Amino acid sequence: MNRRAGWGHHLVMQGEDRLEGRALDGWLVAGARAGEARLASALVRRWQPRLLGHARRLLGADPRAGDVVQASWAAIWQALPSLREERAFGTFAYRIVTRQCARAIDRAQRRRALDAAIAAVPAPEPAPAAAGAGDDRARLVAALGALSPGKAAALRLFYFEDMSVIEIAHALGVPPGTVKTRLMHGRAALRAALEGEE
């Protein structure tokens, strides 16, 4: 019971961090649109590791991940004026990187190669555990790593990036129904894995 209470507090803190992060994104995007080079650079520093990690999850060991993210930044700056909600920059950027990855793979082997590359991606490195999360967080990360890449990506974007089903669908380039199915099966698999360890 105490463990669950601890997790509840941890999730509340994560939610507050996400709200602050979205507010920061809104401020940085507004500054970048206004031509503030310092704020544009800060936006790149904030999102480059996440976007590179996303590209690597989609492309696997393909060395083009860095080039794809670089091309994505060019597309991001070009499309930035069309972004209606500045705080939604994360969804907007993930969607562009996903499209750039799909194009890179399509040029080589079309859509089937994308599915093969996603299936071959190793589990992403776990994020540093928050204070007090301890073994529970390690078990959760291990259980996430055992899921298929599609389910793991949907769960991570839903819970860790606080995206809606529609936002995830846009970010991953799949229909909302596919996202719902991945979330449903992913939750069931996580529950089975964690209850099995209990």
Protein backbone atom coordinates (compact mmCIF):
# COMPACT_ATOMS: atom_id res chain seq x y z
CA MET A 1 0.00 0.00 0.00
CA ASN A 2 2.83 2.35 0.89
CA ARG A 3 4.53 1.42 -2.35
CA ARG A 4 1.43 2.46 -4.32
CA ALA A 5 1.15 5.69 -2.35
CA GLY A 6 4.79 6.41 -3.15
CA TRP A 7 4.14 5.81 -6.83
CA GLY A 8 1.09 8.10 -6.69
CA HIS A 9 3.23 10.91 -5.30
CA HIS A 10 5.89 10.20 -7.93
CA LEU A 11 3.31 10.40 -10.75
CA VAL A 12 1.94 13.69 -9.40
CA MET A 13 5.46 15.11 -9.38
CA GLN A 14 6.01 13.84 -12.93
CA GLY A 15 2.76 15.50 -14.00
CA GLU A 16 3.90 18.81 -12.54
CA ASP A 17 7.26 18.45 -14.28
CA ARG A 18 5.49 17.82 -17.60
CA LEU A 19 3.33 20.92 -17.17
CA GLU A 20 6.42 23.00 -16.42
CA GLY A 21 8.16 21.42 -19.41
CA ARG A 22 5.32 22.33 -21.73
CA ALA A 23 5.30 25.89 -20.40
CA LEU A 24 9.06 26.06 -21.03
CA ASP A 25 8.54 24.73 -24.55
CA GLY A 26 5.91 27.39 -25.18
CA TRP A 27 8.29 30.14 -24.06
CA LEU A 28 11.23 28.79 -26.09
CA VAL A 29 9.11 28.33 -29.23
CA ALA A 30 7.69 31.85 -28.93
CA GLY A 31 11.21 33.21 -28.57
CA ALA A 32 12.51 31.18 -31.52
CA ARG A 33 9.65 32.46 -33.68
CA ALA A 34 10.55 36.01 -32.68
CA GLY A 35 14.12 35.46 -33.89
CA GLU A 36 15.76 35.02 -30.48
CA ALA A 37 18.80 32.91 -31.39
CA ARG A 38 19.57 32.14 -27.73
CA LEU A 39 16.11 30.69 -27.13
CA ALA A 40 16.19 28.75 -30.41
CA SER A 41 19.51 27.20 -29.30
CA ALA A 42 18.02 26.34 -25.92
CA LEU A 43 15.08 24.63 -27.66
CA VAL A 44 17.52 22.52 -29.70
CA ARG A 45 19.55 21.58 -26.60
CA ARG A 46 16.37 20.59 -24.76
CA TRP A 47 14.93 18.40 -27.52
CA GLN A 48 17.96 17.06 -29.44
CA PRO A 49 18.58 14.06 -27.11
CA ARG A 50 14.91 13.03 -27.16
CA LEU A 51 14.56 13.37 -30.92
CA LEU A 52 17.82 11.51 -31.52
CA GLY A 53 16.66 8.72 -29.20
CA HIS A 54 13.35 8.54 -31.06
CA ALA A 55 15.14 8.32 -34.42
CA ARG A 56 17.43 5.59 -33.12
CA ARG A 57 14.47 3.58 -31.86
CA LEU A 58 12.91 3.75 -35.33
CA LEU A 59 16.10 3.24 -37.34
CA GLY A 60 17.92 0.81 -35.05
CA ALA A 61 21.68 0.71 -35.55
CA ASP A 62 21.40 2.70 -38.78
CA PRO A 63 24.08 5.42 -38.68
CA ARG A 64 21.71 7.78 -40.50
CA ALA A 65 19.85 8.63 -37.27
CA GLY A 66 21.94 11.77 -36.66
CA ASP A 67 21.50 12.92 -40.26
CA VAL A 68 17.75 12.29 -40.09
CA VAL A 69 17.44 14.39 -36.92
CA GLN A 70 19.52 17.14 -38.53
CA ALA A 71 17.16 17.13 -41.52
CA SER A 72 14.24 17.08 -39.10
CA TRP A 73 15.45 20.27 -37.44
CA ALA A 74 15.49 21.98 -40.84
CA ALA A 75 11.91 20.81 -41.39
CA ILE A 76 10.95 21.88 -37.85
CA TRP A 77 12.22 25.43 -38.36
CA GLN A 78 10.46 25.63 -41.72
CA ALA A 79 7.14 24.41 -40.29
CA LEU A 80 7.37 26.21 -36.94
CA PRO A 81 5.18 29.16 -38.03
CA SER A 82 2.34 26.68 -38.67
CA LEU A 83 2.45 25.28 -35.11
CA ARG A 84 -0.77 26.53 -33.51
CA GLU A 85 -0.12 25.49 -29.90
CA GLU A 86 3.41 26.38 -28.86
CA ARG A 87 3.26 24.04 -25.84
CA ALA A 88 2.62 21.09 -28.18
CA PHE A 89 6.12 21.38 -29.64
CA GLY A 90 7.05 17.84 -28.53
CA THR A 91 4.26 16.15 -30.48
CA PHE A 92 5.02 18.38 -33.47
CA ALA A 93 8.74 17.53 -33.40
CA TYR A 94 8.23 13.79 -32.85
CA ARG A 95 5.89 13.70 -35.82
CA ILE A 96 8.45 15.38 -38.09
CA VAL A 97 11.24 13.02 -36.97
CA THR A 98 8.95 10.03 -37.51
CA ARG A 99 8.21 11.20 -41.06
CA GLN A 100 11.88 11.82 -41.80
CA CYS A 101 12.76 8.33 -40.55
CA ALA A 102 10.03 6.78 -42.68
CA ARG A 103 11.32 8.63 -45.74
CA ALA A 104 14.90 7.52 -45.08
CA ILE A 105 13.82 3.89 -44.87
CA ASP A 106 11.35 4.11 -47.76
CA ARG A 107 14.13 5.29 -50.01
CA ALA A 108 15.93 2.03 -49.26
CA GLN A 109 13.33 -0.71 -48.83
CA ARG A 110 9.84 0.85 -48.56
CA ARG A 111 7.48 0.31 -45.65
CA ARG A 112 8.43 -3.28 -44.87
CA ALA A 113 11.96 -2.21 -44.03
CA LEU A 114 10.59 0.25 -41.47
CA ASP A 115 8.69 -2.52 -39.68
CA ALA A 116 11.80 -4.73 -39.68
CA ALA A 117 13.97 -1.91 -38.34
CA ILE A 118 11.50 -1.11 -35.56
CA ALA A 119 11.31 -4.78 -34.56
CA ALA A 120 15.12 -5.02 -34.44
CA VAL A 121 15.63 -2.00 -32.17
CA PRO A 122 16.99 -2.93 -28.73
CA ALA A 123 15.20 -1.65 -25.65
CA PRO A 124 16.07 2.02 -24.98
CA GLU A 125 18.31 2.91 -22.10
CA PRO A 126 16.29 3.42 -18.92
CA ALA A 127 15.98 6.96 -17.62
CA PRO A 128 17.69 7.67 -14.29
CA ALA A 129 15.44 6.58 -11.43
CA ALA A 130 13.81 9.33 -9.42
CA ALA A 131 14.60 9.51 -5.75
CA GLY A 132 12.45 7.07 -3.80
CA ALA A 133 11.28 5.14 -6.86
CA GLY A 134 13.96 2.45 -6.37
CA ASP A 135 13.22 -1.13 -7.33
CA ASP A 136 9.69 -0.36 -8.58
CA ARG A 137 10.99 1.89 -11.32
CA ALA A 138 13.70 -0.60 -12.30
CA ARG A 139 11.07 -3.36 -12.56
CA LEU A 140 8.82 -1.12 -14.64
CA VAL A 141 11.66 -0.20 -17.02
CA ALA A 142 12.63 -3.88 -17.36
CA ALA A 143 9.01 -4.83 -18.11
CA LEU A 144 8.77 -2.04 -20.71
CA GLY A 145 11.96 -3.29 -22.33
CA ALA A 146 10.39 -6.73 -22.80
CA LEU A 147 7.50 -5.31 -24.86
CA SER A 148 7.48 -4.99 -28.63
CA PRO A 149 8.92 -1.64 -29.80
CA GLY A 150 5.50 -0.43 -30.99
CA LYS A 151 3.81 -1.09 -27.65
CA ALA A 152 6.75 0.30 -25.67
CA ALA A 153 6.82 3.48 -27.77
CA ALA A 154 3.08 4.04 -27.31
CA LEU A 155 3.28 3.50 -23.53
CA ARG A 156 6.34 5.72 -23.13
CA LEU A 157 4.79 8.58 -25.09
CA PHE A 158 1.46 8.20 -23.24
CA TYR A 159 2.84 7.98 -19.69
CA PHE A 160 6.28 9.61 -19.78
CA GLU A 161 5.63 12.34 -22.38
CA ASP A 162 1.97 12.82 -21.33
CA MET A 163 0.70 12.68 -24.93
CA SER A 164 -2.90 11.94 -25.87
CA VAL A 165 -3.87 9.05 -28.17
CA ILE A 166 -4.28 11.49 -31.06
CA GLU A 167 -0.87 13.07 -30.38
CA ILE A 168 0.79 9.64 -30.25
CA ALA A 169 -0.91 8.65 -33.50
CA HIS A 170 0.52 11.77 -35.15
CA ALA A 171 3.96 11.25 -33.58
CA LEU A 172 4.23 7.61 -34.67
CA GLY A 173 2.39 7.96 -37.97
CA VAL A 174 -0.22 5.30 -37.19
CA PRO A 175 -4.04 5.42 -36.82
CA PRO A 176 -5.48 6.27 -33.36
CA GLY A 177 -7.08 2.80 -33.22
CA THR A 178 -3.63 1.23 -33.52
CA VAL A 179 -2.39 3.39 -30.64
CA LYS A 180 -5.36 2.33 -28.46
CA THR A 181 -4.71 -1.33 -29.25
CA ARG A 182 -1.00 -0.99 -28.44
CA LEU A 183 -1.79 0.76 -25.16
CA MET A 184 -4.37 -1.86 -24.18
CA HIS A 185 -2.11 -4.83 -24.94
CA GLY A 186 0.94 -3.07 -23.53
CA ARG A 187 -0.81 -2.37 -20.21
CA ALA A 188 -1.99 -5.96 -20.00
CA ALA A 189 1.52 -7.27 -20.66
CA LEU A 190 3.02 -4.91 -18.06
CA ARG A 191 0.40 -5.88 -15.49
CA ALA A 192 1.06 -9.60 -16.11
CA ALA A 193 4.83 -9.11 -15.87
CA LEU A 194 4.69 -7.03 -12.67
CA GLU A 195 2.07 -9.19 -10.95
CA GLY A 196 4.04 -12.28 -11.92
CA GLU A 197 7.08 -10.90 -10.09
CA GLU A 198 4.96 -10.15 -7.03
